[in-house]
C-alpha cells in the first residue's frame, strides 16, 4: 500500500486550478481548467489533486448536505521550500493573503508562513531550521 496523492475538494475549481498552476507554479500532470479534476506534480516527488467538491459529494451520496460549515481548519497542506521568505514575498506580490508571515518555530524545527488558496484551504510553506 502507498499514498498516491492528497486530493483537495474545492468549491471554486477553476480559481484553485489557476492558483496551484500559476501562483504556486506546480506542473499539471492531468486535467485542465474547467474540467473539475486535475493532478499537480510537487517538486521533489508526490502529487496533489483538485476535485470539484460538488462532484465528489454526488459521487458519495452527500450532495444534499450543506457545502460549508464554519469551523477550525481540518487539514493543512505543507509544502517544503528552500527559502520561506522569498516564497512568502512572491505570494504576497501575487495578492495571496498571508495568514501568518515567515516565522521561526524553533520548537517545531522549521521556519513557516501560512496562506490560503482561493477555496480557503490552509497552506504552510516551510523550511527546516539549521541546527
N, C-alpha and C. Protein backbone atom coordinates (compact mmCIF):
# COMPACT_ATOMS: atom_id res chain seq x y z
N UNK A 1 0.84 -1.17 0.00
CA UNK A 1 0.00 0.00 0.00
C UNK A 1 0.89 1.24 0.00
N UNK A 2 0.46 2.28 -0.73
CA UNK A 2 1.22 3.53 -0.76
C UNK A 2 0.27 4.69 -0.94
N UNK A 3 0.65 5.85 -0.48
CA UNK A 3 -0.13 7.06 -0.69
C UNK A 3 0.05 7.50 -2.13
N UNK A 4 -1.04 7.63 -2.85
CA UNK A 4 -0.97 8.05 -4.25
C UNK A 4 -0.95 9.57 -4.36
N UNK A 5 -1.90 10.24 -3.70
CA UNK A 5 -1.94 11.70 -3.72
C UNK A 5 -2.85 12.19 -2.61
N UNK A 6 -2.81 13.46 -2.36
CA UNK A 6 -3.75 14.13 -1.49
C UNK A 6 -4.68 14.91 -2.41
N UNK A 7 -5.98 14.72 -2.24
CA UNK A 7 -6.96 15.37 -3.11
C UNK A 7 -7.70 16.44 -2.31
N UNK A 8 -7.64 17.67 -2.78
CA UNK A 8 -8.38 18.76 -2.16
C UNK A 8 -9.73 18.87 -2.84
N UNK A 9 -10.79 18.86 -2.04
CA UNK A 9 -12.15 19.01 -2.57
C UNK A 9 -12.49 20.48 -2.48
N UNK A 10 -12.66 21.13 -3.64
CA UNK A 10 -12.77 22.58 -3.70
C UNK A 10 -14.09 23.03 -4.31
N UNK A 11 -14.58 24.17 -3.85
CA UNK A 11 -15.82 24.73 -4.38
C UNK A 11 -15.58 25.51 -5.67
N UNK A 12 -14.47 26.22 -5.76
CA UNK A 12 -14.17 27.01 -6.97
C UNK A 12 -12.98 26.36 -7.66
N UNK A 13 -13.27 25.33 -8.44
CA UNK A 13 -12.22 24.55 -9.08
C UNK A 13 -11.31 25.40 -9.95
N UNK A 14 -11.88 26.23 -10.81
CA UNK A 14 -11.06 26.99 -11.75
C UNK A 14 -10.11 27.95 -11.04
N UNK A 15 -10.59 28.66 -10.02
CA UNK A 15 -9.72 29.58 -9.27
C UNK A 15 -8.60 28.80 -8.57
N UNK A 16 -8.94 27.65 -7.99
CA UNK A 16 -7.92 26.83 -7.33
C UNK A 16 -6.94 26.26 -8.34
N UNK A 17 -7.43 25.82 -9.49
CA UNK A 17 -6.56 25.31 -10.55
C UNK A 17 -5.52 26.36 -10.92
N UNK A 18 -5.97 27.60 -11.17
CA UNK A 18 -5.04 28.68 -11.54
C UNK A 18 -4.06 28.97 -10.40
N UNK A 19 -4.53 28.93 -9.15
CA UNK A 19 -3.67 29.18 -8.02
C UNK A 19 -2.53 28.17 -7.95
N UNK A 20 -2.85 26.89 -8.01
CA UNK A 20 -1.81 25.85 -7.89
C UNK A 20 -0.90 25.83 -9.11
N UNK A 21 -1.44 26.12 -10.29
CA UNK A 21 -0.62 26.13 -11.50
C UNK A 21 0.18 27.43 -11.63
N UNK A 22 -0.51 28.57 -11.54
CA UNK A 22 0.11 29.85 -11.87
C UNK A 22 0.81 30.52 -10.69
N UNK A 23 0.22 30.46 -9.51
CA UNK A 23 0.80 31.14 -8.36
C UNK A 23 1.86 30.27 -7.68
N UNK A 24 1.51 29.00 -7.40
CA UNK A 24 2.50 28.12 -6.77
C UNK A 24 3.45 27.51 -7.80
N UNK A 25 3.09 27.56 -9.08
CA UNK A 25 3.99 27.08 -10.14
C UNK A 25 4.08 25.57 -10.24
N UNK A 26 3.05 24.85 -9.79
CA UNK A 26 3.07 23.39 -9.89
C UNK A 26 2.74 22.95 -11.31
N UNK A 27 3.31 21.83 -11.71
CA UNK A 27 3.11 21.30 -13.06
C UNK A 27 1.86 20.44 -13.11
N UNK A 28 0.98 20.73 -14.05
CA UNK A 28 -0.24 19.94 -14.24
C UNK A 28 0.14 18.63 -14.91
N UNK A 29 -0.24 17.51 -14.31
CA UNK A 29 0.05 16.20 -14.91
C UNK A 29 -1.21 15.53 -15.44
N UNK A 30 -2.37 16.06 -15.07
CA UNK A 30 -3.65 15.51 -15.55
C UNK A 30 -4.71 16.58 -15.38
N UNK A 31 -5.60 16.70 -16.36
CA UNK A 31 -6.72 17.61 -16.26
C UNK A 31 -6.40 19.01 -16.73
N UNK A 32 -7.45 19.84 -16.70
CA UNK A 32 -7.32 21.21 -17.18
C UNK A 32 -8.36 22.09 -16.49
N UNK A 33 -8.13 23.38 -16.58
CA UNK A 33 -9.10 24.33 -16.05
C UNK A 33 -10.46 24.04 -16.69
N UNK A 34 -11.51 24.08 -15.89
CA UNK A 34 -12.86 23.85 -16.40
C UNK A 34 -13.30 22.40 -16.39
N UNK A 35 -12.41 21.48 -16.09
CA UNK A 35 -12.76 20.06 -16.14
C UNK A 35 -13.21 19.48 -14.80
N UNK A 36 -12.93 20.15 -13.69
CA UNK A 36 -13.39 19.68 -12.39
C UNK A 36 -12.46 18.71 -11.69
N UNK A 37 -11.38 18.28 -12.36
CA UNK A 37 -10.42 17.36 -11.74
C UNK A 37 -9.05 17.59 -12.36
N UNK A 38 -8.02 17.63 -11.51
CA UNK A 38 -6.65 17.81 -12.02
C UNK A 38 -5.64 17.29 -10.99
N UNK A 39 -4.49 16.87 -11.51
CA UNK A 39 -3.34 16.46 -10.69
C UNK A 39 -2.20 17.44 -10.93
N UNK A 40 -1.41 17.67 -9.89
CA UNK A 40 -0.24 18.55 -9.98
C UNK A 40 0.96 17.84 -9.36
N UNK A 41 2.08 17.88 -10.05
CA UNK A 41 3.32 17.29 -9.52
C UNK A 41 3.96 18.28 -8.56
N UNK A 42 4.44 17.74 -7.44
CA UNK A 42 5.18 18.55 -6.49
C UNK A 42 6.67 18.40 -6.76
N UNK A 43 7.42 19.50 -6.71
CA UNK A 43 8.86 19.38 -6.89
C UNK A 43 9.42 18.42 -5.84
N UNK A 44 10.26 17.53 -6.24
CA UNK A 44 10.83 16.57 -5.30
C UNK A 44 10.02 15.30 -5.16
N UNK A 45 8.89 15.21 -5.86
CA UNK A 45 8.09 13.99 -5.84
C UNK A 45 6.73 14.17 -5.18
N UNK A 46 5.84 13.30 -5.53
CA UNK A 46 4.49 13.34 -5.00
C UNK A 46 3.57 14.20 -5.84
N UNK A 47 2.28 14.06 -5.57
CA UNK A 47 1.27 14.83 -6.29
C UNK A 47 0.15 15.25 -5.36
N UNK A 48 -0.50 16.35 -5.73
CA UNK A 48 -1.76 16.71 -5.12
C UNK A 48 -2.77 16.78 -6.25
N UNK A 49 -4.03 16.61 -5.89
CA UNK A 49 -5.10 16.68 -6.88
C UNK A 49 -6.16 17.65 -6.39
N UNK A 50 -6.89 18.22 -7.32
CA UNK A 50 -8.06 19.04 -7.03
C UNK A 50 -9.27 18.35 -7.63
N UNK A 51 -10.38 18.37 -6.90
CA UNK A 51 -11.62 17.79 -7.41
C UNK A 51 -12.76 18.70 -6.97
N UNK A 52 -13.67 18.98 -7.87
CA UNK A 52 -14.82 19.79 -7.57
C UNK A 52 -15.60 19.16 -6.40
N UNK A 53 -15.78 19.93 -5.33
CA UNK A 53 -16.43 19.42 -4.12
C UNK A 53 -17.84 18.91 -4.39
N UNK A 54 -18.61 19.60 -5.23
CA UNK A 54 -19.97 19.18 -5.56
C UNK A 54 -20.00 17.85 -6.28
N UNK A 55 -19.05 17.64 -7.19
CA UNK A 55 -18.99 16.36 -7.91
C UNK A 55 -18.65 15.22 -6.97
N UNK A 56 -17.74 15.47 -6.02
CA UNK A 56 -17.39 14.42 -5.05
C UNK A 56 -18.58 14.13 -4.15
N UNK A 57 -19.30 15.17 -3.74
CA UNK A 57 -20.48 14.97 -2.89
C UNK A 57 -21.52 14.11 -3.60
N UNK A 58 -21.69 14.33 -4.90
CA UNK A 58 -22.60 13.49 -5.68
C UNK A 58 -22.12 12.04 -5.70
N UNK A 59 -20.83 11.86 -5.89
CA UNK A 59 -20.26 10.52 -6.02
C UNK A 59 -20.42 9.69 -4.74
N UNK A 60 -20.44 10.36 -3.58
CA UNK A 60 -20.54 9.62 -2.31
C UNK A 60 -21.89 9.81 -1.63
N UNK A 61 -22.86 10.33 -2.38
CA UNK A 61 -24.22 10.45 -1.86
C UNK A 61 -24.41 11.51 -0.79
N UNK A 62 -23.63 12.60 -0.83
CA UNK A 62 -23.73 13.65 0.19
C UNK A 62 -24.14 15.01 -0.39
N UNK A 63 -24.61 15.03 -1.63
CA UNK A 63 -24.91 16.29 -2.30
C UNK A 63 -26.02 17.09 -1.61
N UNK A 64 -26.87 16.45 -0.83
CA UNK A 64 -27.97 17.16 -0.16
C UNK A 64 -27.51 17.89 1.10
N UNK A 65 -26.28 17.65 1.56
CA UNK A 65 -25.77 18.31 2.76
C UNK A 65 -25.22 19.70 2.43
N UNK A 66 -25.17 20.61 3.41
CA UNK A 66 -24.61 21.94 3.16
C UNK A 66 -23.14 21.83 2.74
N UNK A 67 -22.70 22.65 1.79
CA UNK A 67 -21.33 22.54 1.29
C UNK A 67 -20.27 23.10 2.24
N UNK A 68 -20.66 23.96 3.18
CA UNK A 68 -19.67 24.54 4.08
C UNK A 68 -20.23 24.65 5.48
N UNK A 69 -19.34 24.73 6.42
CA UNK A 69 -19.69 24.98 7.82
C UNK A 69 -18.53 25.73 8.44
N UNK A 70 -18.83 26.73 9.27
CA UNK A 70 -17.77 27.46 9.92
C UNK A 70 -17.12 26.57 10.97
N UNK A 71 -15.84 26.40 10.88
CA UNK A 71 -15.12 25.52 11.81
C UNK A 71 -13.64 25.84 11.74
N UNK A 72 -12.91 25.31 12.68
CA UNK A 72 -11.46 25.42 12.60
C UNK A 72 -10.99 24.55 11.45
N UNK A 73 -9.78 24.85 10.96
CA UNK A 73 -9.23 24.08 9.84
C UNK A 73 -9.15 22.60 10.19
N UNK A 74 -9.43 21.75 9.20
CA UNK A 74 -9.42 20.31 9.41
C UNK A 74 -8.18 19.65 8.79
N UNK A 75 -7.45 20.37 7.98
CA UNK A 75 -6.22 19.83 7.41
C UNK A 75 -5.31 20.98 7.02
N UNK A 76 -4.08 20.63 6.73
CA UNK A 76 -3.06 21.60 6.35
C UNK A 76 -2.21 20.97 5.26
N UNK A 77 -2.06 21.66 4.16
CA UNK A 77 -1.16 21.22 3.09
C UNK A 77 0.20 21.85 3.36
N UNK A 78 1.21 21.03 3.55
CA UNK A 78 2.55 21.52 3.87
C UNK A 78 3.45 21.34 2.66
N UNK A 79 4.08 22.44 2.24
CA UNK A 79 4.98 22.42 1.08
C UNK A 79 6.35 22.88 1.53
N UNK A 80 7.34 22.01 1.38
CA UNK A 80 8.72 22.37 1.71
C UNK A 80 9.32 23.24 0.62
N UNK A 81 9.99 24.29 1.01
CA UNK A 81 10.64 25.22 0.06
C UNK A 81 12.05 25.50 0.54
N UNK A 82 12.87 26.05 -0.36
CA UNK A 82 14.26 26.33 0.04
C UNK A 82 14.38 27.64 0.82
N UNK A 83 13.43 28.59 0.61
CA UNK A 83 13.51 29.88 1.29
C UNK A 83 12.09 30.40 1.53
N UNK A 84 11.60 30.26 2.74
CA UNK A 84 10.24 30.68 3.09
C UNK A 84 10.02 32.16 2.81
N UNK A 85 10.99 33.00 3.15
CA UNK A 85 10.82 34.44 2.98
C UNK A 85 10.62 34.82 1.52
N UNK A 86 11.42 34.23 0.64
CA UNK A 86 11.30 34.52 -0.79
C UNK A 86 9.95 34.06 -1.33
N UNK A 87 9.52 32.87 -0.93
CA UNK A 87 8.23 32.35 -1.39
C UNK A 87 7.09 33.21 -0.85
N UNK A 88 7.15 33.60 0.42
CA UNK A 88 6.09 34.44 1.01
C UNK A 88 6.02 35.79 0.31
N UNK A 89 7.17 36.37 -0.02
CA UNK A 89 7.19 37.64 -0.75
C UNK A 89 6.55 37.48 -2.13
N UNK A 90 6.86 36.39 -2.83
CA UNK A 90 6.28 36.14 -4.15
C UNK A 90 4.77 35.94 -4.05
N UNK A 91 4.32 35.23 -3.04
CA UNK A 91 2.88 35.01 -2.86
C UNK A 91 2.18 36.33 -2.55
N UNK A 92 2.78 37.17 -1.71
CA UNK A 92 2.19 38.47 -1.39
C UNK A 92 2.10 39.35 -2.65
N UNK A 93 3.15 39.32 -3.49
CA UNK A 93 3.11 40.08 -4.75
C UNK A 93 2.01 39.57 -5.67
N UNK A 94 1.69 38.28 -5.57
CA UNK A 94 0.62 37.69 -6.38
C UNK A 94 -0.75 37.91 -5.73
N UNK A 95 -0.79 38.75 -4.68
CA UNK A 95 -2.03 39.10 -3.98
C UNK A 95 -2.64 37.94 -3.19
N UNK A 96 -1.81 36.96 -2.82
CA UNK A 96 -2.27 35.87 -1.96
C UNK A 96 -2.21 36.40 -0.52
N UNK A 97 -3.33 36.39 0.20
CA UNK A 97 -3.30 36.88 1.58
C UNK A 97 -2.41 36.00 2.46
N UNK A 98 -1.51 36.65 3.18
CA UNK A 98 -0.62 35.95 4.11
C UNK A 98 -1.36 35.81 5.44
N UNK A 99 -1.57 34.57 5.88
CA UNK A 99 -2.24 34.31 7.16
C UNK A 99 -1.27 34.56 8.30
N UNK A 100 -0.07 34.00 8.19
CA UNK A 100 0.99 34.28 9.15
C UNK A 100 2.27 34.53 8.36
N UNK A 101 2.98 35.60 8.67
CA UNK A 101 4.22 35.90 7.95
C UNK A 101 5.30 34.90 8.32
N UNK A 102 6.41 34.89 7.58
CA UNK A 102 7.50 33.98 7.91
C UNK A 102 7.92 34.13 9.37
N UNK A 103 7.95 32.99 10.04
CA UNK A 103 8.22 32.96 11.48
C UNK A 103 9.05 31.73 11.80
N UNK A 104 10.09 31.93 12.60
CA UNK A 104 10.85 30.78 13.11
C UNK A 104 10.03 30.09 14.18
N UNK A 105 9.87 28.80 14.05
CA UNK A 105 9.21 27.96 15.06
C UNK A 105 10.26 26.98 15.55
N UNK A 106 11.14 27.48 16.43
CA UNK A 106 12.26 26.67 16.90
C UNK A 106 11.77 25.37 17.53
N UNK A 107 10.62 25.42 18.22
CA UNK A 107 10.10 24.22 18.86
C UNK A 107 9.63 23.18 17.83
N UNK A 108 9.31 23.63 16.61
CA UNK A 108 8.93 22.73 15.53
C UNK A 108 10.14 22.37 14.65
N UNK A 109 11.22 23.17 14.77
CA UNK A 109 12.41 22.95 13.96
C UNK A 109 12.30 23.50 12.54
N UNK A 110 11.35 24.42 12.33
CA UNK A 110 11.13 24.95 10.97
C UNK A 110 10.85 26.45 11.00
N UNK A 111 11.02 27.07 9.84
CA UNK A 111 10.57 28.44 9.58
C UNK A 111 9.36 28.30 8.68
N UNK A 112 8.26 28.97 9.01
CA UNK A 112 7.00 28.77 8.31
C UNK A 112 6.31 30.08 7.96
N UNK A 113 5.46 30.00 6.95
CA UNK A 113 4.48 31.05 6.64
C UNK A 113 3.21 30.31 6.22
N UNK A 114 2.07 30.94 6.47
CA UNK A 114 0.79 30.31 6.12
C UNK A 114 0.00 31.22 5.19
N UNK A 115 -0.65 30.60 4.20
CA UNK A 115 -1.53 31.29 3.26
C UNK A 115 -2.77 30.42 3.05
N UNK A 116 -3.71 30.95 2.31
CA UNK A 116 -4.90 30.17 1.93
C UNK A 116 -5.04 30.21 0.40
N UNK A 117 -5.48 29.07 -0.14
CA UNK A 117 -5.78 29.05 -1.57
C UNK A 117 -7.14 29.73 -1.80
N UNK A 118 -7.57 29.91 -3.04
CA UNK A 118 -8.84 30.61 -3.29
C UNK A 118 -10.06 29.95 -2.64
N UNK A 119 -9.96 28.69 -2.28
CA UNK A 119 -11.07 27.99 -1.65
C UNK A 119 -10.99 28.05 -0.13
N UNK A 120 -9.95 28.70 0.41
CA UNK A 120 -9.80 28.84 1.85
C UNK A 120 -8.98 27.74 2.51
N UNK A 121 -8.42 26.82 1.72
CA UNK A 121 -7.60 25.75 2.28
C UNK A 121 -6.30 26.32 2.82
N UNK A 122 -5.92 25.90 4.02
CA UNK A 122 -4.72 26.40 4.68
C UNK A 122 -3.49 25.70 4.13
N UNK A 123 -2.49 26.51 3.77
CA UNK A 123 -1.23 26.00 3.20
C UNK A 123 -0.08 26.55 4.03
N UNK A 124 0.84 25.66 4.38
CA UNK A 124 2.05 26.06 5.09
C UNK A 124 3.23 25.88 4.15
N UNK A 125 4.04 26.93 3.97
CA UNK A 125 5.32 26.77 3.28
C UNK A 125 6.37 26.78 4.38
N UNK A 126 7.30 25.85 4.29
CA UNK A 126 8.26 25.71 5.40
C UNK A 126 9.64 25.32 4.90
N UNK A 127 10.60 25.69 5.73
CA UNK A 127 11.99 25.33 5.54
C UNK A 127 12.52 24.86 6.90
N UNK A 128 13.26 23.78 6.91
CA UNK A 128 13.85 23.33 8.17
C UNK A 128 14.88 24.34 8.65
N UNK A 129 14.88 24.59 9.96
CA UNK A 129 15.88 25.49 10.54
C UNK A 129 17.21 24.75 10.64
N UNK A 130 18.27 25.49 10.41
CA UNK A 130 19.61 24.89 10.58
C UNK A 130 19.89 24.77 12.06
N UNK A 131 20.46 23.67 12.44
CA UNK A 131 20.75 23.45 13.87
C UNK A 131 22.20 23.66 14.15
